[in-house]
């Protein structure tokens, strides 16, 4: 009889069975009872020596990347955040396990088989099946981003993305721009929606009419000839400036901008987010909002370890500051 057979009968993951052996506080009493019932029915007894050994040394955090074939692994935000997580965990004697997959099904399989003490999700999506699984199983996790359900029960580390979007738009307004567009990514991405909300708020507060045609959503890795962008920048009354939700998207759309005969910042000012190395090697260098990716990672590890070691803590919400790095991609207009 194996741990996998116990997990199958109890309807939980093998890692949940393992944590039940160790009476881990992240597992609810209801779930523990299901596991114990399955163990009794199958006549399974855990190896007491292995269990005691795990209790002494198992200090592992699982870091969950978004489902992706490749773009998540090319985005410096995740790598810099992971660096913050890793360095903080090293100081506290915890190890880090990376959980990745090309699809949500692959991710779910890896997540269920992970024997860790808690999870850090590097992203926040609307109605995400993996996050829903964490809630259903009452597993311990930290979300880098904003919770969209069970808000008071979710440990979150985030920027104030609404205010950041507002500040980005106001930066352009203060340079004299009134025709300002917004380029976001998929609607499921909470941070992109919040930055757009802040952009709209800035327009409203400065009595600039919101033009829905100035807002588009495109993938992180758009086609070389992105149709939505071509339509936006080919308008007779096109925007003179753009707020772009991520500097990787700015890099990806550069070819389309140049193909339309437009120059940055002469014809089109751009402010974006993340302040990655791409912002610095772009020509011209990009004005960008640094969201402190490293600090987001370190804070998420800190909060998770606090809750692992003190299970009775209330769910915390940590806001990490951001700041604008001024470079050459924005210009003042009359």
Protein backbone atom coordinates (compact mmCIF):
# COMPACT_ATOMS: atom_id res chain seq x y z
CA UNK A 1 0.00 0.00 0.00
CA UNK A 2 1.43 3.40 -1.00
CA UNK A 3 0.84 7.05 -0.15
CA UNK A 4 -0.60 7.56 -3.65
CA UNK A 5 -3.33 4.97 -3.01
CA UNK A 6 -4.24 6.71 0.24
CA UNK A 7 -4.40 10.04 -1.59
CA UNK A 8 -6.60 8.58 -4.33
CA UNK A 9 -9.09 7.09 -1.88
CA UNK A 10 -9.22 10.29 0.21
CA UNK A 11 -9.56 12.47 -2.90
CA UNK A 12 -6.54 14.60 -2.06
CA UNK A 13 -2.97 15.02 -3.29
CA UNK A 14 -0.05 12.89 -2.02
CA UNK A 15 1.50 16.04 -0.55
CA UNK A 16 -1.68 16.58 1.51
CA UNK A 17 -1.38 13.02 2.86
CA UNK A 18 2.27 13.66 3.73
CA UNK A 19 1.38 16.88 5.55
CA UNK A 20 -1.36 15.02 7.44
CA UNK A 21 1.26 12.55 8.68
CA UNK A 22 3.15 15.51 10.11
CA UNK A 23 -0.03 17.10 11.49
CA UNK A 24 0.80 20.20 9.45
CA UNK A 25 -1.30 23.25 10.44
CA UNK A 26 -2.01 24.15 6.80
CA UNK A 27 -4.29 21.07 6.51
CA UNK A 28 -7.81 21.43 7.86
CA UNK A 29 -9.13 18.98 10.45
CA UNK A 30 -11.82 17.91 7.97
CA UNK A 31 -9.20 16.99 5.37
CA UNK A 32 -7.01 15.25 7.96
CA UNK A 33 -9.99 13.16 9.00
CA UNK A 34 -10.59 12.09 5.39
CA UNK A 35 -6.95 11.03 5.08
CA UNK A 36 -6.97 9.13 8.38
CA UNK A 37 -10.16 7.34 7.37
CA UNK A 38 -8.58 6.30 4.06
CA UNK A 39 -5.45 5.10 5.88
CA UNK A 40 -7.56 3.00 8.25
CA UNK A 41 -9.61 1.54 5.41
CA UNK A 42 -6.49 0.54 3.47
CA UNK A 43 -4.51 -0.52 6.52
CA UNK A 44 -1.75 1.93 5.68
CA UNK A 45 0.77 2.98 8.33
CA UNK A 46 3.40 5.67 7.62
CA UNK A 47 7.04 4.95 8.34
CA UNK A 48 7.49 6.63 11.72
CA UNK A 49 11.23 7.11 11.21
CA UNK A 50 10.77 8.80 7.83
CA UNK A 51 7.96 10.95 9.21
CA UNK A 52 10.04 12.12 12.17
CA UNK A 53 12.98 12.79 9.85
CA UNK A 54 10.80 14.94 7.58
CA UNK A 55 9.50 16.87 10.58
CA UNK A 56 13.03 17.91 11.41
CA UNK A 57 14.36 18.93 8.01
CA UNK A 58 11.47 19.58 5.62
CA UNK A 59 11.40 23.34 5.13
CA UNK A 60 10.40 23.87 1.54
CA UNK A 61 8.47 26.55 -0.31
CA UNK A 62 6.89 25.91 -3.70
CA UNK A 63 7.02 28.82 -6.17
CA UNK A 64 4.29 28.59 -8.81
CA UNK A 65 4.86 30.18 -12.22
CA UNK A 66 1.88 30.93 -14.50
CA UNK A 67 1.07 28.28 -17.10
CA UNK A 68 3.19 29.11 -20.12
CA UNK A 69 5.05 27.54 -23.02
CA UNK A 70 7.84 30.12 -22.84
CA UNK A 71 6.92 33.77 -22.22
CA UNK A 72 6.83 33.49 -18.40
CA UNK A 73 10.42 32.22 -18.43
CA UNK A 74 11.54 35.11 -20.61
CA UNK A 75 9.96 37.77 -18.39
CA UNK A 76 12.55 39.31 -16.08
CA UNK A 77 9.82 40.16 -13.54
CA UNK A 78 9.49 36.50 -12.56
CA UNK A 79 13.25 35.98 -12.42
CA UNK A 80 13.87 39.04 -10.26
CA UNK A 81 10.97 38.10 -7.96
CA UNK A 82 12.38 34.59 -7.69
CA UNK A 83 15.76 36.07 -6.74
CA UNK A 84 14.11 37.90 -3.83
CA UNK A 85 12.32 34.72 -2.72
CA UNK A 86 15.48 32.64 -2.96
CA UNK A 87 17.71 35.00 -1.02
CA UNK A 88 15.21 35.41 1.82
CA UNK A 89 14.63 31.64 2.01
CA UNK A 90 18.38 31.03 2.13
CA UNK A 91 18.63 33.30 5.18
CA UNK A 92 15.82 31.40 6.93
CA UNK A 93 17.01 27.89 6.06
CA UNK A 94 14.21 27.11 3.62
CA UNK A 95 14.65 25.53 0.21
CA UNK A 96 12.70 26.52 -2.90
CA UNK A 97 10.94 24.22 -5.35
CA UNK A 98 9.91 25.62 -8.74
CA UNK A 99 6.50 24.54 -10.04
CA UNK A 100 5.99 25.10 -13.77
CA UNK A 101 3.93 23.75 -16.65
CA UNK A 102 2.90 24.59 -20.19
CA UNK A 103 -0.81 24.23 -19.29
CA UNK A 104 -2.94 24.55 -16.18
CA UNK A 105 -3.42 20.76 -16.18
CA UNK A 106 0.36 20.25 -16.07
CA UNK A 107 0.68 22.83 -13.31
CA UNK A 108 -2.11 21.20 -11.31
CA UNK A 109 -0.43 17.80 -11.54
CA UNK A 110 2.89 19.24 -10.35
CA UNK A 111 1.20 21.21 -7.58
CA UNK A 112 -0.69 18.17 -6.24
CA UNK A 113 2.51 16.10 -6.15
CA UNK A 114 4.58 18.80 -4.43
CA UNK A 115 5.52 18.07 -0.84
CA UNK A 116 6.11 21.59 0.44
CA UNK A 117 5.13 23.61 3.49
CA UNK A 118 3.50 26.44 1.54
CA UNK A 119 3.24 28.02 -1.89
CA UNK A 120 3.98 31.40 -3.46
CA UNK A 121 2.04 32.23 -6.62
CA UNK A 122 3.93 34.67 -8.84
CA UNK A 123 0.73 35.90 -10.45
CA UNK A 124 -2.92 36.73 -9.86
CA UNK A 125 -5.53 35.78 -12.48
CA UNK A 126 -9.28 36.07 -12.45
CA UNK A 127 -10.98 32.74 -11.63
CA UNK A 128 -7.76 30.70 -11.70
CA UNK A 129 -8.30 26.93 -11.25
CA UNK A 130 -5.08 26.47 -9.25
CA UNK A 131 -5.94 29.25 -6.81
CA UNK A 132 -9.44 27.80 -6.46
CA UNK A 133 -7.85 24.43 -5.64
CA UNK A 134 -5.76 26.07 -2.90
CA UNK A 135 -8.90 27.55 -1.35
CA UNK A 136 -10.82 24.27 -1.61
CA UNK A 137 -8.00 22.25 -0.01
CA UNK A 138 -7.30 24.99 2.56
CA UNK A 139 -3.61 24.96 1.64
CA UNK A 140 -1.23 27.69 2.77
CA UNK A 141 -0.17 30.09 0.03
CA UNK A 142 0.84 33.69 -0.66
CA UNK A 143 -0.35 35.57 -3.72
CA UNK A 144 1.89 38.10 -5.44
CA UNK A 145 -0.90 40.28 -6.72
CA UNK A 146 -4.42 41.15 -5.60
CA UNK A 147 -6.92 38.55 -4.43
CA UNK A 148 -10.22 38.56 -6.30
CA UNK A 149 -12.07 36.20 -3.94
CA UNK A 150 -11.90 35.36 -0.22
CA UNK A 151 -10.05 38.66 0.12
CA UNK A 152 -9.87 38.69 3.92
CA UNK A 153 -8.50 35.14 4.02
CA UNK A 154 -5.76 35.51 1.40
CA UNK A 155 -2.17 36.51 2.15
CA UNK A 156 -1.14 39.01 -0.55
CA UNK A 157 1.94 41.00 -1.49
CA UNK A 158 1.37 43.58 -4.21
CA UNK A 159 1.90 47.09 -5.52
CA UNK A 160 -0.92 49.61 -5.58
CA UNK A 161 -1.42 49.09 -9.31
CA UNK A 162 -4.39 51.43 -9.55
CA UNK A 163 -2.34 54.30 -8.16
CA UNK A 164 0.65 53.28 -10.30
CA UNK A 165 -1.49 53.40 -13.45
CA UNK A 166 -2.81 56.79 -12.39
CA UNK A 167 0.70 58.12 -11.77
CA UNK A 168 1.90 56.84 -15.16
CA UNK A 169 -0.92 58.60 -16.97
CA UNK A 170 -0.47 61.80 -14.97
CA UNK A 171 3.23 61.81 -15.85
CA UNK A 172 2.22 62.06 -19.52
CA UNK A 173 -0.51 64.60 -18.79
CA UNK A 174 2.05 66.81 -17.04
CA UNK A 175 4.14 66.69 -20.22
CA UNK A 176 1.19 68.18 -22.11
CA UNK A 177 -0.33 65.01 -23.59
CA UNK A 178 -4.10 64.72 -23.80
CA UNK A 179 -4.45 61.94 -26.35
CA UNK A 180 -3.14 59.07 -24.26
CA UNK A 181 -3.70 55.39 -25.00
CA UNK A 182 -3.37 52.30 -22.81
CA UNK A 183 -1.95 48.95 -23.91
CA UNK A 184 -2.72 46.09 -21.54
CA UNK A 185 -2.50 42.33 -21.72
CA UNK A 186 -5.14 39.59 -21.31
CA UNK A 187 -8.25 40.58 -19.33
CA UNK A 188 -7.58 37.72 -16.90
CA UNK A 189 -4.47 39.54 -15.59
CA UNK A 190 -5.52 41.48 -12.49
CA UNK A 191 -2.52 43.85 -12.51
CA UNK A 192 -3.25 44.97 -16.09
CA UNK A 193 -6.90 45.68 -15.30
CA UNK A 194 -5.91 47.69 -12.21
CA UNK A 195 -3.35 49.77 -14.11
CA UNK A 196 -5.98 50.52 -16.72
CA UNK A 197 -8.40 51.61 -13.97
CA UNK A 198 -5.76 54.02 -12.66
CA UNK A 199 -5.18 55.36 -16.18
CA UNK A 200 -8.90 56.07 -16.57
CA UNK A 201 -9.01 57.69 -13.13
CA UNK A 202 -6.21 60.09 -14.09
CA UNK A 203 -8.03 61.10 -17.27
CA UNK A 204 -11.21 61.70 -15.32
CA UNK A 205 -9.53 63.82 -12.63
CA UNK A 206 -7.91 65.98 -15.33
CA UNK A 207 -11.19 66.37 -17.29
CA UNK A 208 -9.80 64.51 -20.32
CA UNK A 209 -12.49 62.45 -22.08
CA UNK A 210 -11.90 58.69 -22.02
CA UNK A 211 -11.72 57.21 -25.52
CA UNK A 212 -12.34 53.47 -25.50
CA UNK A 213 -10.69 53.17 -28.93
CA UNK A 214 -7.40 54.24 -27.34
CA UNK A 215 -7.31 51.09 -25.17
CA UNK A 216 -6.27 47.68 -26.49
CA UNK A 217 -5.24 44.34 -24.97
CA UNK A 218 -2.55 42.23 -26.65
CA UNK A 219 -0.54 39.12 -25.66
CA UNK A 220 2.89 39.36 -24.08
CA UNK A 221 4.37 38.06 -27.31
CA UNK A 222 2.18 39.59 -30.04
CA UNK A 223 2.49 38.90 -33.75
CA UNK A 224 5.07 40.96 -35.61
CA UNK A 225 2.22 42.86 -37.23
CA UNK A 226 -0.18 43.32 -34.36
CA UNK A 227 -3.49 44.29 -35.99
CA UNK A 228 -4.97 46.08 -32.96
CA UNK A 229 -1.88 48.22 -32.56
CA UNK A 230 -1.76 49.08 -36.27
CA UNK A 231 -5.40 50.19 -36.13
CA UNK A 232 -4.74 52.27 -33.01
CA UNK A 233 -1.69 54.08 -34.36
CA UNK A 234 -3.18 54.53 -37.83
CA UNK A 235 -6.15 56.52 -36.54
CA UNK A 236 -6.43 60.02 -37.90
CA UNK A 237 -6.59 61.33 -34.35
CA UNK A 238 -4.15 58.76 -32.95
CA UNK A 239 -2.66 58.95 -29.43
CA UNK A 240 0.48 60.97 -28.91
CA UNK A 241 1.44 58.91 -25.88
CA UNK A 242 0.95 55.41 -24.49
CA UNK A 243 0.85 53.83 -21.05
CA UNK A 244 2.02 50.22 -21.58
CA UNK A 245 1.38 47.71 -18.79
CA UNK A 246 4.73 45.90 -19.18
CA UNK A 247 8.06 46.80 -20.76
CA UNK A 248 8.26 43.41 -22.50
CA UNK A 249 5.18 44.38 -24.51
CA UNK A 250 6.87 47.65 -25.47
CA UNK A 251 9.85 45.70 -26.81
CA UNK A 252 7.53 43.36 -28.71
CA UNK A 253 5.60 46.17 -30.43
CA UNK A 254 8.63 48.27 -31.36
CA UNK A 255 8.85 46.79 -34.86
CA UNK A 256 5.21 47.63 -35.57
CA UNK A 257 5.69 51.21 -34.34
CA UNK A 258 8.72 51.69 -36.58
CA UNK A 259 6.97 50.07 -39.57
CA UNK A 260 4.32 52.80 -39.34
CA UNK A 261 7.01 55.46 -39.67
CA UNK A 262 6.65 56.62 -36.07
CA UNK A 263 9.55 57.62 -33.85
CA UNK A 264 9.82 57.39 -30.05
CA UNK A 265 9.53 59.93 -28.43
CA UNK A 266 9.16 62.41 -31.32
CA UNK A 267 5.84 61.00 -32.53
CA UNK A 268 4.91 58.75 -29.64
CA UNK A 269 5.84 59.02 -25.95
CA UNK A 270 5.82 55.78 -23.95
CA UNK A 271 5.85 55.02 -20.24
CA UNK A 272 5.77 51.38 -19.14
CA UNK A 273 6.21 49.16 -16.08
CA UNK A 274 8.79 46.86 -14.44
CA UNK A 275 12.03 48.73 -15.22
CA UNK A 276 13.70 45.51 -16.37
CA UNK A 277 16.95 45.35 -18.30
CA UNK A 278 14.85 45.68 -21.47
CA UNK A 279 13.96 49.23 -20.45
CA UNK A 280 17.63 50.13 -20.26
CA UNK A 281 18.76 48.52 -23.55
CA UNK A 282 15.78 49.82 -25.55
CA UNK A 283 16.58 52.68 -27.93
CA UNK A 284 15.61 55.19 -26.69
CA UNK A 285 15.76 54.02 -23.09
CA UNK A 286 12.27 53.63 -21.63
CA UNK A 287 10.72 55.72 -18.90
CA UNK A 288 9.44 53.00 -16.61
CA UNK A 289 7.78 52.42 -13.26
CA UNK A 290 10.00 50.22 -11.10
CA UNK A 291 7.65 47.96 -9.13
CA UNK A 292 10.42 46.56 -6.88
CA UNK A 293 10.20 42.97 -8.16
CA UNK A 294 12.96 41.78 -5.84
CA UNK A 295 11.17 43.23 -2.81
CA UNK A 296 7.87 41.64 -3.89
CA UNK A 297 9.62 38.28 -3.81
CA UNK A 298 11.39 38.84 -0.50
CA UNK A 299 8.18 40.08 1.18
CA UNK A 300 6.17 37.13 -0.13
CA UNK A 301 8.74 34.68 1.28
CA UNK A 302 8.75 36.56 4.59
CA UNK A 303 4.98 36.44 4.92
CA UNK A 304 4.76 32.75 3.99
CA UNK A 305 7.47 31.70 6.45
CA UNK A 306 5.78 33.77 9.20
CA UNK A 307 2.51 31.93 8.60
CA UNK A 308 4.22 28.53 8.40
CA UNK A 309 5.90 29.07 11.74
CA UNK A 310 2.94 30.89 13.34
CA UNK A 311 -0.21 29.23 11.92
CA UNK A 312 -2.62 31.37 13.98
CA UNK A 313 -1.63 34.64 12.27
CA UNK A 314 -4.34 36.52 10.40
CA UNK A 315 -3.98 36.86 6.64
CA UNK A 316 -1.77 39.86 5.86
CA UNK A 317 -1.70 42.26 2.91
CA UNK A 318 1.61 43.95 2.12
CA UNK A 319 1.93 46.85 -0.33
CA UNK A 320 5.39 47.32 -1.84
CA UNK A 321 6.24 50.86 -3.06
CA UNK A 322 7.09 51.72 -6.67
CA UNK A 323 8.79 54.71 -8.29
CA UNK A 324 9.15 56.27 -11.73
CA UNK A 325 12.49 56.08 -13.55
CA UNK A 326 12.64 58.95 -16.05
CA UNK A 327 14.49 58.25 -19.29
CA UNK A 328 14.29 59.23 -22.95
CA UNK A 329 11.02 57.71 -24.21
CA UNK A 330 8.77 60.60 -23.18
CA UNK A 331 8.85 64.20 -24.35
CA UNK A 332 7.03 67.37 -23.49
CA UNK A 333 4.58 68.78 -26.06
CA UNK A 334 2.91 72.15 -26.37
